[in-house]
Amino acid sequence: MKTLVTKIAGESKYIWPDDAVVTIGSDMTAAPQFFIADMNESNAMIVENVTPPEDWKGCKYLLSNGVWSLNPNWGDPNNPPPIPDKP
């Protein structure tokens, strides 16, 4: 597999099979089936030949030097925190 990560934090945003053609350009990333307008050569990079965790979801994991770790800032979008009552 390959993943598109942010350069600063190493946040894994997308994953694809190794044979997928993903091109990072100066203004966006071209991926199979879609474009990623907010990720480009200034803020993102492709890491190839990785094995993502079984429960991988976009932004849930960080990847640094081939080591996956849970992103402490990730929240499950399927289980959002409760909205506080208005005073």
N, C-alpha and C. Protein backbone atom coordinates (compact mmCIF):
# COMPACT_ATOMS: atom_id res chain seq x y z
N MET A 1 0.85 -1.18 0.00
CA MET A 1 0.00 0.00 0.00
C MET A 1 0.89 1.24 0.00
N LYS A 2 0.26 2.37 -0.36
CA LYS A 2 0.94 3.66 -0.26
C LYS A 2 -0.02 4.61 0.43
N THR A 3 0.53 5.61 1.09
CA THR A 3 -0.28 6.58 1.81
C THR A 3 0.18 7.99 1.50
N LEU A 4 -0.76 8.90 1.52
CA LEU A 4 -0.47 10.33 1.37
C LEU A 4 -0.49 10.92 2.77
N VAL A 5 0.65 11.47 3.19
CA VAL A 5 0.78 12.01 4.54
C VAL A 5 1.15 13.49 4.49
N THR A 6 0.82 14.19 5.57
CA THR A 6 1.25 15.57 5.71
C THR A 6 2.73 15.60 6.07
N LYS A 7 3.45 16.56 5.54
CA LYS A 7 4.89 16.63 5.78
C LYS A 7 5.21 16.96 7.23
N ILE A 8 4.47 17.84 7.85
CA ILE A 8 4.81 18.27 9.21
C ILE A 8 4.47 17.22 10.25
N ALA A 9 3.24 16.74 10.26
CA ALA A 9 2.80 15.82 11.32
C ALA A 9 2.88 14.36 10.93
N GLY A 10 2.95 14.06 9.64
CA GLY A 10 2.94 12.68 9.19
C GLY A 10 1.56 12.04 9.27
N GLU A 11 0.53 12.88 9.25
CA GLU A 11 -0.84 12.40 9.34
C GLU A 11 -1.22 11.68 8.04
N SER A 12 -1.62 10.43 8.15
CA SER A 12 -1.99 9.63 6.98
C SER A 12 -3.42 9.96 6.58
N LYS A 13 -3.56 10.59 5.41
CA LYS A 13 -4.87 11.06 4.97
C LYS A 13 -5.58 10.08 4.05
N TYR A 14 -4.84 9.41 3.17
CA TYR A 14 -5.42 8.50 2.19
C TYR A 14 -4.49 7.31 2.02
N ILE A 15 -5.05 6.17 1.63
CA ILE A 15 -4.24 5.01 1.27
C ILE A 15 -4.73 4.44 -0.06
N TRP A 16 -3.81 3.84 -0.81
CA TRP A 16 -4.10 3.20 -2.09
C TRP A 16 -3.23 1.95 -2.23
N PRO A 17 -3.63 1.07 -3.16
CA PRO A 17 -2.74 -0.05 -3.49
C PRO A 17 -1.44 0.49 -4.10
N ASP A 18 -0.39 -0.31 -4.00
CA ASP A 18 0.91 0.13 -4.52
C ASP A 18 0.88 0.49 -5.99
N ASP A 19 0.02 -0.16 -6.78
CA ASP A 19 0.01 0.11 -8.22
C ASP A 19 -0.84 1.32 -8.62
N ALA A 20 -1.49 1.97 -7.67
CA ALA A 20 -2.29 3.17 -7.98
C ALA A 20 -1.36 4.32 -8.36
N VAL A 21 -1.77 5.09 -9.34
CA VAL A 21 -0.98 6.24 -9.78
C VAL A 21 -1.48 7.48 -9.03
N VAL A 22 -0.61 8.01 -8.18
CA VAL A 22 -0.90 9.21 -7.40
C VAL A 22 0.22 10.19 -7.67
N THR A 23 -0.15 11.41 -8.10
CA THR A 23 0.85 12.40 -8.48
C THR A 23 0.65 13.66 -7.65
N ILE A 24 1.70 14.05 -6.93
CA ILE A 24 1.65 15.28 -6.16
C ILE A 24 2.20 16.40 -7.03
N GLY A 25 1.41 17.45 -7.22
CA GLY A 25 1.83 18.58 -8.02
C GLY A 25 2.01 19.82 -7.18
N SER A 26 2.33 20.92 -7.82
CA SER A 26 2.56 22.17 -7.11
C SER A 26 1.28 22.78 -6.54
N ASP A 27 0.12 22.40 -7.10
CA ASP A 27 -1.12 23.00 -6.64
C ASP A 27 -2.16 22.01 -6.14
N MET A 28 -1.93 20.70 -6.33
CA MET A 28 -2.88 19.68 -5.86
C MET A 28 -2.26 18.31 -6.06
N THR A 29 -3.00 17.30 -5.57
CA THR A 29 -2.60 15.90 -5.77
C THR A 29 -3.66 15.23 -6.63
N ALA A 30 -3.21 14.54 -7.66
CA ALA A 30 -4.10 13.78 -8.53
C ALA A 30 -4.06 12.32 -8.08
N ALA A 31 -5.23 11.82 -7.69
CA ALA A 31 -5.36 10.45 -7.23
C ALA A 31 -6.34 9.73 -8.15
N PRO A 32 -6.38 8.41 -8.09
CA PRO A 32 -7.38 7.70 -8.88
C PRO A 32 -8.79 8.16 -8.49
N GLN A 33 -9.57 8.54 -9.45
CA GLN A 33 -10.98 8.92 -9.27
C GLN A 33 -11.23 10.33 -8.74
N PHE A 34 -10.21 11.03 -8.20
CA PHE A 34 -10.46 12.37 -7.66
C PHE A 34 -9.16 13.17 -7.51
N PHE A 35 -9.33 14.46 -7.25
CA PHE A 35 -8.22 15.37 -6.98
C PHE A 35 -8.29 15.80 -5.52
N ILE A 36 -7.13 16.08 -4.93
CA ILE A 36 -7.05 16.54 -3.55
C ILE A 36 -6.46 17.94 -3.59
N ALA A 37 -7.33 18.94 -3.50
CA ALA A 37 -6.92 20.33 -3.72
C ALA A 37 -6.08 20.91 -2.59
N ASP A 38 -6.23 20.39 -1.38
CA ASP A 38 -5.51 21.00 -0.25
C ASP A 38 -4.21 20.28 0.10
N MET A 39 -3.80 19.32 -0.72
CA MET A 39 -2.53 18.63 -0.49
C MET A 39 -1.70 18.72 -1.76
N ASN A 40 -0.48 19.25 -1.62
CA ASN A 40 0.40 19.47 -2.76
C ASN A 40 1.84 19.24 -2.34
N GLU A 41 2.77 19.50 -3.24
CA GLU A 41 4.17 19.20 -2.96
C GLU A 41 4.76 20.01 -1.81
N SER A 42 4.11 21.10 -1.42
CA SER A 42 4.64 21.90 -0.31
C SER A 42 4.23 21.34 1.06
N ASN A 43 3.14 20.55 1.10
CA ASN A 43 2.66 20.10 2.42
C ASN A 43 2.39 18.60 2.52
N ALA A 44 2.67 17.84 1.47
CA ALA A 44 2.34 16.41 1.49
C ALA A 44 3.41 15.59 0.78
N MET A 45 3.42 14.28 1.10
CA MET A 45 4.32 13.36 0.43
C MET A 45 3.69 11.97 0.42
N ILE A 46 4.13 11.15 -0.53
CA ILE A 46 3.69 9.77 -0.64
C ILE A 46 4.71 8.87 0.05
N VAL A 47 4.22 7.94 0.85
CA VAL A 47 5.08 6.92 1.45
C VAL A 47 4.59 5.58 0.90
N GLU A 48 5.49 4.86 0.25
CA GLU A 48 5.11 3.60 -0.40
C GLU A 48 5.54 2.39 0.41
N ASN A 49 4.97 1.24 0.04
CA ASN A 49 5.30 -0.04 0.66
C ASN A 49 5.05 -0.04 2.17
N VAL A 50 3.87 0.44 2.54
CA VAL A 50 3.48 0.45 3.95
C VAL A 50 2.33 -0.54 4.17
N THR A 51 2.19 -0.97 5.40
CA THR A 51 1.06 -1.81 5.79
C THR A 51 0.28 -1.04 6.84
N PRO A 52 -0.84 -0.45 6.46
CA PRO A 52 -1.60 0.34 7.43
C PRO A 52 -2.24 -0.54 8.49
N PRO A 53 -2.52 0.02 9.66
CA PRO A 53 -3.23 -0.74 10.69
C PRO A 53 -4.58 -1.21 10.16
N GLU A 54 -5.07 -2.34 10.69
CA GLU A 54 -6.33 -2.91 10.22
C GLU A 54 -7.50 -1.96 10.37
N ASP A 55 -7.46 -1.11 11.39
CA ASP A 55 -8.57 -0.17 11.63
C ASP A 55 -8.27 1.22 11.09
N TRP A 56 -7.37 1.29 10.07
CA TRP A 56 -6.98 2.58 9.50
C TRP A 56 -8.21 3.35 9.03
N LYS A 57 -8.22 4.63 9.32
CA LYS A 57 -9.17 5.60 8.77
C LYS A 57 -8.38 6.86 8.52
N GLY A 58 -8.82 7.66 7.56
CA GLY A 58 -8.13 8.90 7.24
C GLY A 58 -7.93 9.77 8.47
N CYS A 59 -6.72 10.17 8.72
CA CYS A 59 -6.30 11.05 9.82
C CYS A 59 -6.20 10.36 11.17
N LYS A 60 -6.58 9.09 11.26
CA LYS A 60 -6.55 8.40 12.56
C LYS A 60 -5.12 8.08 13.00
N TYR A 61 -4.22 7.89 12.02
CA TYR A 61 -2.86 7.48 12.34
C TYR A 61 -1.83 8.45 11.80
N LEU A 62 -0.71 8.51 12.50
CA LEU A 62 0.47 9.24 12.06
C LEU A 62 1.49 8.19 11.61
N LEU A 63 2.30 8.55 10.64
CA LEU A 63 3.35 7.65 10.16
C LEU A 63 4.67 8.40 10.21
N SER A 64 5.60 7.87 10.98
CA SER A 64 6.92 8.49 11.11
C SER A 64 7.99 7.41 11.06
N ASN A 65 8.88 7.53 10.08
CA ASN A 65 9.97 6.56 9.92
C ASN A 65 9.46 5.12 9.88
N GLY A 66 8.32 4.91 9.21
CA GLY A 66 7.77 3.58 9.04
C GLY A 66 6.98 3.06 10.24
N VAL A 67 6.82 3.89 11.26
CA VAL A 67 6.11 3.47 12.47
C VAL A 67 4.77 4.19 12.55
N TRP A 68 3.68 3.42 12.69
CA TRP A 68 2.35 3.97 12.83
C TRP A 68 2.06 4.26 14.30
N SER A 69 1.39 5.38 14.57
CA SER A 69 0.94 5.68 15.93
C SER A 69 -0.41 6.38 15.85
N LEU A 70 -1.23 6.20 16.88
CA LEU A 70 -2.54 6.85 16.91
C LEU A 70 -2.36 8.36 16.93
N ASN A 71 -3.17 9.06 16.19
CA ASN A 71 -3.15 10.52 16.17
C ASN A 71 -3.91 11.00 17.41
N PRO A 72 -3.26 11.71 18.33
CA PRO A 72 -3.94 12.15 19.55
C PRO A 72 -5.05 13.16 19.28
N ASN A 73 -5.07 13.76 18.11
CA ASN A 73 -6.09 14.76 17.77
C ASN A 73 -7.27 14.18 17.00
N TRP A 74 -7.26 12.85 16.77
CA TRP A 74 -8.31 12.23 15.97
C TRP A 74 -9.55 11.96 16.82
N GLY A 75 -10.70 12.24 16.24
CA GLY A 75 -11.98 11.90 16.86
C GLY A 75 -12.81 11.13 15.86
N ASP A 76 -13.47 10.09 16.31
CA ASP A 76 -14.27 9.25 15.42
C ASP A 76 -15.48 10.03 14.93
N PRO A 77 -15.57 10.28 13.62
CA PRO A 77 -16.71 11.05 13.09
C PRO A 77 -18.04 10.31 13.25
N ASN A 78 -17.98 8.99 13.46
CA ASN A 78 -19.20 8.22 13.68
C ASN A 78 -19.65 8.24 15.13
N ASN A 79 -18.83 8.83 16.00
CA ASN A 79 -19.15 8.90 17.42
C ASN A 79 -18.73 10.27 17.95
N PRO A 80 -19.38 11.35 17.48
CA PRO A 80 -18.96 12.70 17.88
C PRO A 80 -19.28 12.94 19.36
N PRO A 81 -18.55 13.87 19.97
CA PRO A 81 -18.85 14.20 21.36
C PRO A 81 -20.22 14.85 21.47
N PRO A 82 -20.85 14.73 22.63
CA PRO A 82 -22.18 15.34 22.79
C PRO A 82 -22.10 16.87 22.71
N ILE A 83 -23.16 17.46 22.22
CA ILE A 83 -23.25 18.93 22.15
C ILE A 83 -23.78 19.41 23.50
N PRO A 84 -23.04 20.32 24.15
CA PRO A 84 -23.51 20.79 25.47
C PRO A 84 -24.82 21.55 25.36
N ASP A 85 -25.62 21.46 26.41
CA ASP A 85 -26.87 22.22 26.47
C ASP A 85 -26.56 23.70 26.56
N LYS A 86 -27.43 24.50 25.97
CA LYS A 86 -27.27 25.96 26.07
C LYS A 86 -27.69 26.40 27.46
N PRO A 87 -27.01 27.39 28.02
CA PRO A 87 -27.37 27.85 29.38
C PRO A 87 -28.73 28.53 29.40
